[in-house]
Amino acid sequence: MSLRSSLSQATQSMPVDTGTRQSFEYLLAQVSKQLEDTLSILEAPDPKLARRVGAREDQIDVLKHTLKTRNLNRLGRMSTIEKEDLDLTRAIDIIVDNLESIADYCSSVLVQHGHLLDPCFVHQFEPANYVYPITQGLSHVMEGLFERRIEFAVTICASEQESDTQFKFHFDRIVAALKTGNDVEDLVSSLFILRYFERMADALLNIGEAIIGTIVGEPLKFGQYIALGESIEAGLGVGASQRSEASQGIPIPEFQFESIAETRSGCRIGRVQVTESESTWAIFKEGDLEKVRKERDGIERWYALDPSLAPRVFHYREATDKASLLLEMIDGTTFQRITVDHTLAETAEALEALDTSLSAVWKKTRVDGPSSAAHTKQLQSRLDDVLHLHPDFDRSATGIGELEVPSLPDTLATLDEIEKELVAPFAVLIHGDLNTDNILYETAHRRISFVDLHRSRMTDYVQDVSVFLVSNIRLPIMEDAVRQRLNWVTKEFLRFAIHFAAEEQDHAFQARLAVGLIRSLTTSTRFVMPEDLAKAMFLRANYLLEKLLDHRGRPWESFQLPADSLRFS
C-alpha cells in the first residue's frame, strides 16, 4: 500500500474479526484484574486471593498463545494482505507478549512481598501510585489500537515516564536507608517490588509504541514520535490545535511515516507526509546528539552557500543525548541509483552536473594556506572495525630471504610519514562523506543536491575525491554493463579532479590522492562482506602504498596514479 493511500484510512477502525477482538479484550481484562488483585494483596495480605492470582497467571498464558495463533490465522485466511493488516498483526503480537509480561511481574511482586518481615513495610512507597497509571493505560488499549486513537496511544506511553520518575525517587530513598543498616531485608524486597512495577510500565510503553506504529505506518519509539510531532508542529505549523487532555499536552498532528534508512551509526531516517496537507512532505532524521547537531550545521552552511545544494531545515530539536531534524524533502535520485539502473547517457548527464557543482563550491570557498585531511589518522581510528571483519589483513612483520615485509602498524607509520610531506596548498568546503548515495540528481532542472552533511568541514578536497571514487569501486556488483558504467564514472571523475587541480596550481594532487585512496579503500572494507572484493580493495591500497614508497625521494609533483589502480572488473 502506498503512503498516500494509507493516509486516507488513518481514521478508519482497524480490520479485525469479532473473535480476535473479543479474545483480546478478555485478555486485557484478566491482566487488569491481576494488577488490581496484586495491589489488594499488598495493601491487605489474603492467601485466598493470592491463589486466584496464581491460577489466573496460567490462564493468561493460555490466552496469550491462543490469541497469537488466532492472530496469525487471520492473515492466513486473507486472499490479499494489505499493509495495515500486517501492521495490526505485528502490533497484536507485541501487545499480547507484553500483557503476559505484566501478569508475570504481578506474580514476581507477590513472591517478593512474601519475603517481607513486615508485610506493611512497602506501604511507605505507595505502590498504588505505580499501579494506577498502568491500569489507566491498559484501559485505553482497545480504543488506541482498534479505533486508531493516537491520543490514547500517547497516554499509554506517557505513563512509563511517570513510573520512571517515581522509581528514581524511591530508589534514592531506599539506597540512603540501606546505609543505616536498618530494615535491610525489607528494604531490598521493597526495592525488588518497585522494580517489577517499573518493568510493568516498560511493558506498557512497548504496548503504546506498538499502537503508534499501526497509526503512523512504521514502528516508532515514543521519543521519536514526540520529536517528530513537535518538529511538525514547530516546523510546519501543523498540530497545534490538536493537543488534548488525553494526549497530556503532547502535540498529535496526523501524519504517516515511512522509513527510508537506518544508518550504520544508528540514525533513523524517514519520509513524513502530513495528513492535513497531502502536498506537505518532509524528511525526519533522529539520532546521536553530536552527529545530528553537526548535520544541522553542515546543512545550514551549504544551504547558505546555495539553497539548491542542500535541504532547508524546518526544525531542529535536542533532547538529552538525542537530536532530530525535520528537513525539506528534495526531489531527485541518488547518484548510485542512476549509475546502477540508468543508461550511460543519463549517468554522464548527472556526472557533468556533479563536476560543475563541486568545482563551483571548491572555488567559491577556497582559502589559501596549508591543509591536511589527516587520512592516516582516519584510517587508524577505523582499523579495529576493519580487522574485526577481516582479521587476515592484520599481518605481522615477516621476512623472505633478504626481503622484509613490514607489519601493518609499521606500514601505517610509514604512510603517516609520507602524508606529512604532502600538504595541500589550500582548503575548501568539502562534503566529508561524498559517497554516491549521499548525492541526489534532479533530472528536470539538472540539479545536484547533497545529504548527510555531518562531516562537512574546511579541508583538503582530496577527501571528497577519494571517497567518491571508492564508493563506486566498493559496490559488490559484477554485472558487466553496470561495472563498465562504474569504471567509466571512476575514470571520468578522476579526469575532472586532475583537471581542477591543474587549474588551481595544486601540483602534488595525485600523490595526496593516492594517500586518500589508501585510506578509503582500506576503511571501506569494514562494510564489504564479500571476501574477494574486500581483499582486492585491500591489496589495491597496498599497491598504491608501494608506488608512493618507490617514488619517495623524488618531487611529489611528478607522481602519477597508476592507470589501472582504480579499475575493477
Protein backbone atom coordinates (compact mmCIF):
# COMPACT_ATOMS: atom_id res chain seq x y z
CA MET A 1 0.00 0.00 0.00
CA SER A 2 1.28 3.47 -0.83
CA LEU A 3 1.85 6.11 1.81
CA ARG A 4 -0.79 8.32 0.20
CA SER A 5 -3.49 5.63 0.23
CA SER A 6 -2.77 4.73 3.85
CA LEU A 7 -3.40 8.35 4.79
CA SER A 8 -6.96 8.11 3.56
CA GLN A 9 -7.55 5.26 6.00
CA ALA A 10 -6.00 6.97 9.02
CA THR A 11 -9.30 7.49 10.81
CA GLN A 12 -10.87 4.11 10.00
CA SER A 13 -11.10 1.29 12.52
CA MET A 14 -8.53 -1.45 12.13
CA PRO A 15 -9.90 -4.55 10.30
CA VAL A 16 -10.19 -7.46 12.75
CA ASP A 17 -12.66 -10.29 13.23
CA THR A 18 -15.03 -10.29 16.19
CA GLY A 19 -13.44 -13.37 17.77
CA THR A 20 -9.96 -11.84 17.81
CA ARG A 21 -11.28 -8.59 19.22
CA GLN A 22 -13.24 -10.32 21.97
CA SER A 23 -10.28 -12.55 22.90
CA PHE A 24 -8.03 -9.51 23.02
CA GLU A 25 -10.48 -7.61 25.22
CA TYR A 26 -10.81 -10.57 27.59
CA LEU A 27 -7.02 -10.87 27.91
CA LEU A 28 -6.81 -7.18 28.74
CA ALA A 29 -9.49 -7.57 31.41
CA GLN A 30 -7.66 -10.50 33.00
CA VAL A 31 -4.36 -8.64 33.14
CA SER A 32 -6.07 -5.58 34.63
CA LYS A 33 -7.70 -7.80 37.25
CA GLN A 34 -4.31 -9.33 38.01
CA LEU A 35 -2.95 -5.87 38.73
CA GLU A 36 -5.89 -4.91 40.93
CA ASP A 37 -5.63 -8.13 42.96
CA THR A 38 -1.87 -7.72 43.34
CA LEU A 39 -2.36 -4.26 44.77
CA SER A 40 -5.10 -5.55 47.10
CA ILE A 41 -2.73 -8.22 48.45
CA LEU A 42 -0.02 -5.63 49.07
CA GLU A 43 -2.49 -3.49 51.00
CA ALA A 44 -4.02 -6.42 52.93
CA PRO A 45 -2.45 -9.89 52.53
CA ASP A 46 -5.04 -12.51 51.54
CA PRO A 47 -3.85 -16.11 50.86
CA LYS A 48 -7.09 -17.00 49.07
CA LEU A 49 -6.75 -14.04 46.70
CA ALA A 50 -3.08 -14.88 46.16
CA ARG A 51 -4.07 -18.39 44.98
CA ARG A 52 -6.51 -16.84 42.48
CA VAL A 53 -3.70 -14.67 41.16
CA GLY A 54 -1.54 -17.76 40.66
CA ALA A 55 -4.31 -19.60 38.84
CA ARG A 56 -5.02 -16.59 36.63
CA GLU A 57 -1.38 -16.42 35.58
CA ASP A 58 -1.73 -19.83 33.91
CA GLN A 59 -4.99 -18.73 32.31
CA ILE A 60 -3.35 -15.61 30.90
CA ASP A 61 -0.53 -17.69 29.42
CA VAL A 62 -3.05 -19.91 27.60
CA LEU A 63 -4.99 -16.86 26.43
CA LYS A 64 -1.83 -15.32 25.02
CA HIS A 65 -0.90 -18.37 22.96
CA THR A 66 -4.47 -18.81 21.73
CA LEU A 67 -4.70 -15.17 20.67
CA LYS A 68 -1.32 -15.22 18.91
CA THR A 69 -2.42 -18.29 16.94
CA ARG A 70 -5.78 -16.71 16.06
CA ASN A 71 -3.94 -13.55 15.03
CA LEU A 72 -1.71 -15.41 12.56
CA ASN A 73 -4.59 -17.49 11.25
CA ARG A 74 -6.47 -14.28 10.50
CA LEU A 75 -3.74 -13.38 7.99
CA GLY A 76 -3.75 -16.87 6.54
CA ARG A 77 -7.42 -16.59 5.63
CA MET A 78 -6.89 -13.40 3.62
CA SER A 79 -6.63 -13.61 -0.15
CA THR A 80 -4.89 -10.22 -0.25
CA ILE A 81 -2.85 -8.92 2.66
CA GLU A 82 -2.63 -5.13 2.91
CA LYS A 83 -0.03 -3.20 4.87
CA GLU A 84 -2.48 -2.28 7.63
CA ASP A 85 -3.24 -6.00 8.11
CA LEU A 86 0.44 -6.72 8.65
CA ASP A 87 0.79 -3.69 10.95
CA LEU A 88 -2.13 -4.83 13.07
CA THR A 89 -0.87 -8.41 13.24
CA ARG A 90 2.54 -7.25 14.36
CA ALA A 91 1.04 -4.88 16.94
CA ILE A 92 -1.26 -7.51 18.44
CA ASP A 93 1.66 -9.92 18.68
CA ILE A 94 3.79 -7.35 20.52
CA ILE A 95 0.94 -6.28 22.79
CA VAL A 96 -0.09 -9.75 23.95
CA ASP A 97 3.52 -10.62 24.76
CA ASN A 98 3.80 -7.50 26.90
CA LEU A 99 0.44 -8.12 28.56
CA GLU A 100 1.69 -11.52 29.66
CA SER A 101 4.87 -9.87 30.94
CA ILE A 102 2.80 -7.54 33.11
CA ALA A 103 0.93 -10.53 34.53
CA ASP A 104 4.21 -12.36 35.19
CA TYR A 105 5.59 -9.34 37.02
CA CYS A 106 2.50 -9.35 39.23
CA SER A 107 3.44 -12.86 40.38
CA SER A 108 7.02 -11.73 40.97
CA VAL A 109 5.77 -8.84 43.10
CA LEU A 110 3.86 -11.26 45.29
CA VAL A 111 6.90 -13.53 45.66
CA GLN A 112 8.91 -10.55 46.92
CA HIS A 113 6.05 -9.47 49.16
CA GLY A 114 6.26 -12.89 50.79
CA HIS A 115 9.87 -12.13 51.75
CA LEU A 116 8.92 -9.03 53.76
CA LEU A 117 9.35 -9.41 57.50
CA ASP A 118 6.78 -6.66 57.89
CA PRO A 119 4.08 -7.06 55.17
CA CYS A 120 3.10 -3.40 55.61
CA PHE A 121 6.67 -2.11 55.10
CA VAL A 122 6.15 -1.49 51.38
CA HIS A 123 3.17 0.82 52.01
CA GLN A 124 5.51 3.78 52.61
CA PHE A 125 6.48 3.59 48.92
CA GLU A 126 2.87 3.95 47.77
CA PRO A 127 2.58 1.01 45.37
CA ALA A 128 -0.86 2.25 44.30
CA ASN A 129 0.85 5.20 42.57
CA TYR A 130 2.65 2.66 40.37
CA VAL A 131 -0.39 0.51 39.67
CA TYR A 132 -2.99 3.16 38.82
CA PRO A 133 -1.15 4.65 35.78
CA ILE A 134 -0.65 1.13 34.42
CA THR A 135 -4.32 0.16 34.80
CA GLN A 136 -5.31 3.50 33.29
CA GLY A 137 -3.00 2.86 30.35
CA LEU A 138 -4.48 -0.59 29.82
CA SER A 139 -7.98 0.90 29.78
CA HIS A 140 -7.05 2.85 26.62
CA VAL A 141 -5.54 -0.03 24.64
CA MET A 142 -8.76 -1.11 22.87
CA GLU A 143 -9.58 2.40 21.64
CA GLY A 144 -5.99 3.18 20.78
CA LEU A 145 -5.43 0.02 18.75
CA PHE A 146 -8.75 -0.78 17.10
CA GLU A 147 -10.12 2.77 16.75
CA ARG A 148 -6.71 4.24 15.81
CA ARG A 149 -6.85 6.89 18.53
CA ILE A 150 -3.35 8.32 18.67
CA GLU A 151 -4.06 10.44 21.76
CA PHE A 152 -4.67 7.28 23.79
CA ALA A 153 -1.51 5.65 22.48
CA VAL A 154 0.36 8.76 23.67
CA THR A 155 -1.28 8.50 27.11
CA ILE A 156 -0.26 4.85 27.39
CA CYS A 157 3.38 5.70 26.60
CA ALA A 158 3.48 8.72 28.90
CA SER A 159 2.57 6.51 31.87
CA GLU A 160 6.00 4.92 31.68
CA GLN A 161 7.74 8.26 32.23
CA GLU A 162 5.68 8.83 35.37
CA SER A 163 6.73 5.43 36.67
CA ASP A 164 10.42 6.14 35.96
CA THR A 165 10.24 9.39 37.96
CA GLN A 166 8.64 7.65 40.94
CA PHE A 167 11.08 4.75 40.85
CA LYS A 168 14.12 7.05 40.80
CA PHE A 169 12.76 8.95 43.84
CA HIS A 170 12.11 5.77 45.83
CA PHE A 171 15.36 4.15 44.69
CA ASP A 172 17.33 7.05 46.15
CA ARG A 173 15.33 6.79 49.41
CA ILE A 174 15.99 3.07 49.71
CA VAL A 175 19.71 3.40 48.97
CA ALA A 176 20.02 6.10 51.65
CA ALA A 177 18.09 3.96 54.13
CA LEU A 178 20.24 0.89 53.42
CA LYS A 179 23.32 2.83 54.53
CA THR A 180 21.87 2.99 58.04
CA GLY A 181 21.92 -0.81 58.31
CA ASN A 182 18.33 -0.98 59.50
CA ASP A 183 15.48 -2.99 57.88
CA VAL A 184 17.86 -4.30 55.22
CA GLU A 185 15.73 -7.34 54.25
CA ASP A 186 12.53 -5.33 53.92
CA LEU A 187 14.26 -2.51 52.04
CA VAL A 188 15.74 -4.93 49.50
CA SER A 189 12.42 -6.76 48.99
CA SER A 190 10.62 -3.42 48.61
CA LEU A 191 13.16 -2.33 46.01
CA PHE A 192 12.51 -5.52 44.02
CA ILE A 193 8.76 -4.93 44.24
CA LEU A 194 9.09 -1.37 42.94
CA ARG A 195 11.45 -2.55 40.23
CA TYR A 196 8.85 -5.04 38.99
CA PHE A 197 6.27 -2.25 38.86
CA GLU A 198 8.73 -0.15 36.87
CA ARG A 199 9.20 -3.06 34.45
CA MET A 200 5.42 -3.30 34.06
CA ALA A 201 5.48 0.33 32.95
CA ASP A 202 8.23 -0.55 30.44
CA ALA A 203 5.93 -3.25 29.04
CA LEU A 204 3.13 -0.69 28.86
CA LEU A 205 5.44 1.61 26.88
CA ASN A 206 6.05 -1.22 24.39
CA ILE A 207 2.27 -1.57 24.03
CA GLY A 208 1.79 2.15 23.37
CA GLU A 209 4.62 2.21 20.82
CA ALA A 210 3.09 -0.78 19.02
CA ILE A 211 -0.18 1.14 18.71
CA ILE A 212 1.62 4.26 17.46
CA GLY A 213 3.27 2.10 14.81
CA THR A 214 -0.06 0.93 13.43
CA ILE A 215 -1.32 4.51 13.17
CA VAL A 216 1.69 6.28 11.66
CA GLY A 217 2.65 3.35 9.43
CA GLU A 218 6.06 2.41 10.84
CA PRO A 219 7.46 1.32 14.23
CA LEU A 220 8.48 4.42 16.18
CA LYS A 221 9.88 4.81 19.68
CA PHE A 222 7.86 7.16 21.86
CA GLY A 223 10.74 9.62 21.98
CA GLN A 224 10.90 9.57 18.18
CA TYR A 225 7.15 10.18 17.97
CA ILE A 226 7.38 13.16 20.33
CA ALA A 227 10.35 14.58 18.42
CA LEU A 228 8.54 14.15 15.12
CA GLY A 229 5.28 15.61 16.43
CA GLU A 230 6.99 18.66 17.91
CA SER A 231 9.04 19.13 14.74
CA ILE A 232 5.92 19.01 12.55
CA GLU A 233 4.15 21.48 14.83
CA ALA A 234 7.07 23.90 15.11
CA GLY A 235 8.50 23.48 11.61
CA LEU A 236 5.35 23.12 9.53
CA GLY A 237 2.77 24.77 11.78
CA VAL A 238 0.62 21.61 11.92
CA GLY A 239 -0.88 20.06 15.03
CA ALA A 240 -1.01 22.99 17.44
CA SER A 241 -4.81 22.80 17.60
CA GLN A 242 -4.82 19.04 18.18
CA ARG A 243 -3.47 18.95 21.73
CA SER A 244 -5.91 17.35 24.10
CA GLU A 245 -6.22 16.34 27.73
CA ALA A 246 -5.90 12.70 26.66
CA SER A 247 -2.55 13.41 24.98
CA GLN A 248 -1.23 15.19 28.09
CA GLY A 249 -0.34 18.29 26.12
CA ILE A 250 1.83 16.42 23.62
CA PRO A 251 1.26 17.58 20.01
CA ILE A 252 -0.58 14.97 17.96
CA PRO A 253 -0.56 16.01 14.32
CA GLU A 254 -1.79 13.29 11.99
CA PHE A 255 0.97 12.04 9.76
CA GLN A 256 2.30 8.95 8.09
CA PHE A 257 5.92 7.89 8.46
CA GLU A 258 7.84 5.72 6.03
CA SER A 259 11.36 4.58 6.90
CA ILE A 260 13.99 5.35 4.30
CA ALA A 261 17.06 4.07 6.07
CA GLU A 262 18.69 3.17 9.35
CA THR A 263 22.27 4.35 9.05
CA ARG A 264 25.28 2.41 10.26
CA SER A 265 25.60 4.98 13.07
CA GLY A 266 22.07 4.27 14.23
CA CYS A 267 20.33 7.35 12.85
CA ARG A 268 16.67 6.85 11.94
CA ILE A 269 15.69 8.47 8.65
CA GLY A 270 12.16 8.58 7.31
CA ARG A 271 9.81 10.31 4.93
CA VAL A 272 6.88 12.14 6.52
CA GLN A 273 3.56 13.07 4.96
CA VAL A 274 1.21 15.28 6.95
CA THR A 275 -2.46 14.32 6.74
CA GLU A 276 -3.72 17.93 6.81
CA SER A 277 -1.91 18.65 3.58
CA GLU A 278 -1.01 15.73 1.35
CA SER A 279 1.39 18.00 -0.52
CA THR A 280 3.44 18.56 2.64
CA TRP A 281 6.39 16.20 2.62
CA ALA A 282 9.49 16.26 4.78
CA ILE A 283 12.44 14.15 5.86
CA PHE A 284 12.86 13.30 9.53
CA LYS A 285 16.23 12.32 10.94
CA GLU A 286 16.85 11.33 14.56
CA GLY A 287 19.98 10.04 16.23
CA ASP A 288 23.07 10.83 18.28
CA LEU A 289 23.05 14.42 19.56
CA GLU A 290 26.52 15.39 18.40
CA LYS A 291 26.15 13.83 14.96
CA VAL A 292 22.74 15.37 14.25
CA ARG A 293 23.91 18.76 15.53
CA LYS A 294 26.83 18.60 13.09
CA GLU A 295 24.39 17.55 10.38
CA ARG A 296 22.30 20.66 11.00
CA ASP A 297 25.37 22.91 10.95
CA GLY A 298 26.60 21.33 7.72
CA ILE A 299 23.22 21.63 6.01
CA GLU A 300 22.81 25.26 7.00
CA ARG A 301 26.31 26.08 5.76
CA TRP A 302 25.69 24.51 2.33
CA TYR A 303 22.18 25.96 2.12
CA ALA A 304 23.57 29.43 2.79
CA LEU A 305 26.14 28.87 0.06
CA ASP A 306 23.46 27.84 -2.46
CA PRO A 307 19.88 26.81 -1.49
CA SER A 308 19.82 24.26 -4.31
CA LEU A 309 22.70 22.29 -2.79
CA ALA A 310 21.08 21.23 0.50
CA PRO A 311 17.62 20.88 2.02
CA ARG A 312 16.06 23.60 4.15
CA VAL A 313 15.95 22.91 7.89
CA PHE A 314 12.33 23.16 9.04
CA HIS A 315 13.07 22.36 12.66
CA TYR A 316 15.89 21.18 14.93
CA ARG A 317 15.31 19.63 18.37
CA GLU A 318 17.61 18.38 21.12
CA ALA A 319 16.61 16.04 23.95
CA THR A 320 19.22 14.62 26.37
CA ASP A 321 21.60 12.55 24.20
CA LYS A 322 19.43 12.62 21.05
CA ALA A 323 18.61 15.25 18.46
CA SER A 324 16.27 15.35 15.49
CA LEU A 325 15.92 17.26 12.25
CA LEU A 326 12.91 17.93 10.09
CA LEU A 327 14.13 18.75 6.59
CA GLU A 328 12.75 19.79 3.27
CA MET A 329 12.36 16.73 1.05
CA ILE A 330 14.42 17.22 -2.09
CA ASP A 331 13.36 15.67 -5.36
CA GLY A 332 15.97 13.54 -7.04
CA THR A 333 17.58 10.15 -7.45
CA THR A 334 20.78 9.11 -5.75
CA PHE A 335 23.84 9.13 -7.97
CA GLN A 336 24.40 5.49 -7.06
CA ARG A 337 20.93 4.52 -8.29
CA ILE A 338 21.46 6.42 -11.54
CA THR A 339 24.75 4.65 -12.19
CA VAL A 340 23.37 1.22 -11.41
CA ASP A 341 19.92 1.44 -13.03
CA HIS A 342 20.08 4.13 -15.73
CA THR A 343 21.81 4.45 -19.08
CA LEU A 344 25.33 5.68 -19.68
CA ALA A 345 23.93 8.89 -21.21
CA GLU A 346 21.87 9.62 -18.08
CA THR A 347 24.85 8.80 -15.89
CA ALA A 348 27.05 11.16 -17.92
CA GLU A 349 24.49 13.96 -17.53
CA ALA A 350 24.42 13.52 -13.74
CA LEU A 351 28.23 13.35 -13.57
CA GLU A 352 28.58 16.58 -15.54
CA ALA A 353 26.21 18.32 -13.10
CA LEU A 354 28.17 16.95 -10.15
CA ASP A 355 31.51 18.13 -11.56
CA THR A 356 30.08 21.60 -12.16
CA SER A 357 28.61 21.87 -8.66
CA LEU A 358 31.74 20.65 -6.86
CA SER A 359 34.01 22.89 -8.91
CA ALA A 360 31.87 25.92 -8.09
CA VAL A 361 31.80 25.14 -4.35
CA TRP A 362 35.52 24.47 -4.16
CA LYS A 363 36.42 27.66 -5.98
CA LYS A 364 33.96 29.77 -4.01
CA THR A 365 35.12 28.53 -0.61
CA ARG A 366 38.86 28.28 -1.30
CA VAL A 367 41.10 29.57 1.50
CA ASP A 368 44.82 29.61 0.76
CA GLY A 369 47.16 28.06 3.29
CA PRO A 370 48.42 24.58 4.21
CA SER A 371 45.74 21.97 4.76
CA SER A 372 45.68 18.25 5.52
CA ALA A 373 42.78 15.79 5.73
CA ALA A 374 44.83 13.52 8.08
CA HIS A 375 43.93 10.39 6.13
CA THR A 376 46.26 8.12 8.10
CA LYS A 377 44.73 9.11 11.43
CA GLN A 378 41.27 8.48 9.98
CA LEU A 379 42.39 5.04 8.84
CA GLN A 380 43.89 4.20 12.23
CA SER A 381 40.70 5.25 14.03
CA ARG A 382 38.65 2.79 11.94
CA LEU A 383 41.20 -0.03 11.81
CA ASP A 384 39.65 -2.06 14.64
CA ASP A 385 36.37 -2.29 12.72
CA VAL A 386 38.23 -3.34 9.56
CA LEU A 387 40.19 -6.06 11.33
CA HIS A 388 37.13 -7.30 13.20
CA LEU A 389 35.50 -8.17 9.87
CA HIS A 390 38.73 -9.08 8.03
CA PRO A 391 41.30 -10.30 10.61
CA ASP A 392 43.57 -11.64 7.84
CA PHE A 393 44.54 -8.07 6.98
CA ASP A 394 46.46 -7.75 10.25
CA ARG A 395 49.84 -9.04 9.22
CA SER A 396 52.95 -9.22 11.38
CA ALA A 397 56.43 -8.35 10.17
CA THR A 398 57.87 -11.20 8.12
CA GLY A 399 60.93 -11.90 6.01
CA ILE A 400 61.57 -13.96 2.91
CA GLY A 401 65.30 -14.22 2.37
CA GLU A 402 66.58 -10.67 2.24
CA LEU A 403 63.09 -9.29 1.61
CA GLU A 404 61.41 -7.79 4.69
CA VAL A 405 57.64 -7.32 4.77
CA PRO A 406 56.67 -4.77 7.44
CA SER A 407 53.78 -5.27 9.86
CA LEU A 408 50.52 -3.40 9.38
CA PRO A 409 51.30 -0.89 12.19
CA ASP A 410 54.72 -0.24 10.62
CA THR A 411 53.08 0.23 7.22
CA LEU A 412 50.68 2.82 8.64
CA ALA A 413 53.54 4.61 10.39
CA THR A 414 55.32 4.89 7.04
CA LEU A 415 52.14 6.16 5.39
CA ASP A 416 51.83 8.81 8.09
CA GLU A 417 55.38 9.98 7.41
CA ILE A 418 54.63 10.29 3.70
CA GLU A 419 51.39 12.17 4.34
CA LYS A 420 53.23 14.75 6.44
CA GLU A 421 55.32 15.55 3.36
CA LEU A 422 52.13 16.14 1.37
CA VAL A 423 50.25 19.27 2.40
CA ALA A 424 47.52 20.81 0.26
CA PRO A 425 48.13 24.46 -0.70
CA PHE A 426 44.55 25.46 0.18
CA ALA A 427 41.39 24.29 1.92
CA VAL A 428 37.84 24.19 0.56
CA LEU A 429 34.43 23.29 1.94
CA ILE A 430 34.01 19.54 1.47
CA HIS A 431 31.04 17.26 1.92
CA GLY A 432 33.06 14.96 4.14
CA ASP A 433 31.30 11.74 3.15
CA LEU A 434 30.81 12.04 -0.61
CA ASN A 435 29.52 8.54 -1.22
CA THR A 436 27.35 8.19 -4.29
CA ASP A 437 24.25 7.55 -2.14
CA ASN A 438 24.69 10.96 -0.48
CA ILE A 439 24.34 12.78 -3.81
CA LEU A 440 20.93 13.49 -5.37
CA TYR A 441 20.36 14.42 -9.01
CA GLU A 442 17.11 16.02 -10.13
CA THR A 443 16.75 15.47 -13.87
CA ALA A 444 14.24 18.18 -14.81
CA HIS A 445 16.47 21.04 -13.60
CA ARG A 446 19.76 19.12 -13.86
CA ARG A 447 20.36 19.97 -10.22
CA ILE A 448 22.73 18.33 -7.75
CA SER A 449 21.95 18.31 -4.02
CA PHE A 450 23.74 16.75 -1.08
CA VAL A 451 22.55 14.93 2.03
CA ASP A 452 24.23 13.53 5.15
CA LEU A 453 26.46 16.56 5.69
CA HIS A 454 27.52 15.93 9.29
CA ARG A 455 31.20 15.54 8.30
CA SER A 456 31.31 18.72 6.22
CA ARG A 457 34.25 20.99 7.01
CA MET A 458 37.06 23.08 5.52
CA THR A 459 39.94 20.85 4.47
CA ASP A 460 41.70 19.21 1.51
CA TYR A 461 39.24 18.33 -1.28
CA VAL A 462 41.16 15.10 -1.86
CA GLN A 463 38.97 13.68 0.93
CA ASP A 464 35.82 14.04 -1.18
CA VAL A 465 37.53 12.88 -4.36
CA SER A 466 38.88 9.67 -2.81
CA VAL A 467 35.59 8.82 -1.05
CA PHE A 468 33.57 9.30 -4.24
CA LEU A 469 35.93 7.16 -6.29
CA VAL A 470 35.96 4.31 -3.80
CA SER A 471 32.19 4.41 -3.27
CA ASN A 472 31.91 3.29 -6.91
CA ILE A 473 34.62 0.66 -6.56
CA ARG A 474 33.23 -0.98 -3.43
CA LEU A 475 29.76 -1.72 -4.81
CA PRO A 476 29.50 -5.54 -4.92
CA ILE A 477 28.03 -5.53 -8.42
CA MET A 478 29.78 -7.56 -11.06
CA GLU A 479 27.17 -7.40 -13.82
CA ASP A 480 29.25 -6.44 -16.83
CA ALA A 481 27.21 -3.47 -18.09
CA VAL A 482 26.91 -1.93 -14.61
CA ARG A 483 30.55 -2.48 -13.76
CA GLN A 484 31.54 -0.81 -17.02
CA ARG A 485 29.48 2.26 -16.08
CA LEU A 486 31.04 2.30 -12.61
CA ASN A 487 34.53 2.12 -14.10
CA TRP A 488 33.62 4.86 -16.58
CA VAL A 489 32.37 7.14 -13.77
CA THR A 490 35.55 6.48 -11.81
CA LYS A 491 37.76 7.30 -14.78
CA GLU A 492 35.85 10.45 -15.77
CA PHE A 493 35.58 11.83 -12.23
CA LEU A 494 39.31 11.29 -11.74
CA ARG A 495 39.91 13.17 -15.01
CA PHE A 496 37.76 16.05 -13.72
CA ALA A 497 39.61 16.16 -10.37
CA ILE A 498 43.04 16.16 -12.02
CA HIS A 499 41.94 18.97 -14.34
CA PHE A 500 40.63 21.01 -11.39
CA ALA A 501 43.92 20.52 -9.53
CA ALA A 502 45.90 21.73 -12.55
CA GLU A 503 43.69 24.82 -12.85
CA GLU A 504 44.23 25.63 -9.17
CA GLN A 505 48.01 25.06 -9.35
CA ASP A 506 47.78 22.08 -6.98
CA HIS A 507 50.79 20.21 -8.31
CA ALA A 508 51.10 17.34 -5.77
CA PHE A 509 47.40 16.45 -6.01
CA GLN A 510 47.88 12.92 -7.34
CA ALA A 511 50.29 11.94 -4.57
CA ARG A 512 47.85 13.17 -1.90
CA LEU A 513 45.02 11.40 -3.71
CA ALA A 514 46.97 8.14 -3.50
CA VAL A 515 47.10 8.57 0.29
CA GLY A 516 43.38 9.35 0.37
CA LEU A 517 42.61 6.30 -1.75
CA ILE A 518 44.67 4.07 0.54
CA ARG A 519 42.59 5.31 3.44
CA SER A 520 39.23 4.96 1.64
CA LEU A 521 39.99 1.57 0.09
CA THR A 522 41.08 0.17 3.46
CA THR A 523 38.37 1.63 5.69
CA SER A 524 35.60 0.80 3.22
CA THR A 525 36.31 -2.90 3.64
CA ARG A 526 34.59 -2.72 7.05
CA PHE A 527 31.32 -2.50 5.08
CA VAL A 528 32.23 -5.09 2.44
CA MET A 529 31.20 -8.65 3.22
CA PRO A 530 32.31 -10.45 0.01
CA GLU A 531 35.81 -11.53 0.98
CA ASP A 532 37.18 -11.49 -2.57
CA LEU A 533 36.12 -7.87 -3.12
CA ALA A 534 37.40 -6.76 0.29
CA LYS A 535 40.75 -8.46 -0.34
CA ALA A 536 41.00 -6.88 -3.79
CA MET A 537 40.44 -3.44 -2.27
CA PHE A 538 42.97 -4.02 0.50
CA LEU A 539 45.59 -5.26 -1.98
CA ARG A 540 44.89 -2.22 -4.18
CA ALA A 541 45.60 0.02 -1.17
CA ASN A 542 48.91 -1.80 -0.58
CA TYR A 543 49.76 -1.46 -4.26
CA LEU A 544 49.29 2.32 -4.08
CA LEU A 545 51.45 2.49 -0.96
CA GLU A 546 54.24 0.63 -2.76
CA LYS A 547 54.04 3.15 -5.62
CA LEU A 548 54.36 6.01 -3.10
CA LEU A 549 57.34 4.32 -1.46
CA ASP A 550 59.01 3.78 -4.82
CA HIS A 551 58.55 7.47 -5.64
CA ARG A 552 59.70 8.80 -2.27
CA GLY A 553 62.78 10.98 -2.57
CA ARG A 554 61.67 12.46 -5.88
CA PRO A 555 59.41 15.52 -6.26
CA TRP A 556 55.86 14.63 -5.33
CA GLU A 557 54.66 16.90 -8.12
CA SER A 558 55.82 14.28 -10.63
CA PHE A 559 53.90 11.40 -9.04
CA GLN A 560 51.12 9.95 -11.16
CA LEU A 561 48.46 7.46 -10.15
CA PRO A 562 48.90 4.13 -11.98
CA ALA A 563 46.39 3.93 -14.81
CA ASP A 564 44.98 0.62 -13.58
CA SER A 565 44.75 1.47 -9.87
CA LEU A 566 41.00 2.20 -9.84
CA ARG A 567 39.65 -0.21 -12.40
CA PHE A 568 37.76 -3.24 -11.08
CA SER A 569 36.34 -5.95 -13.30
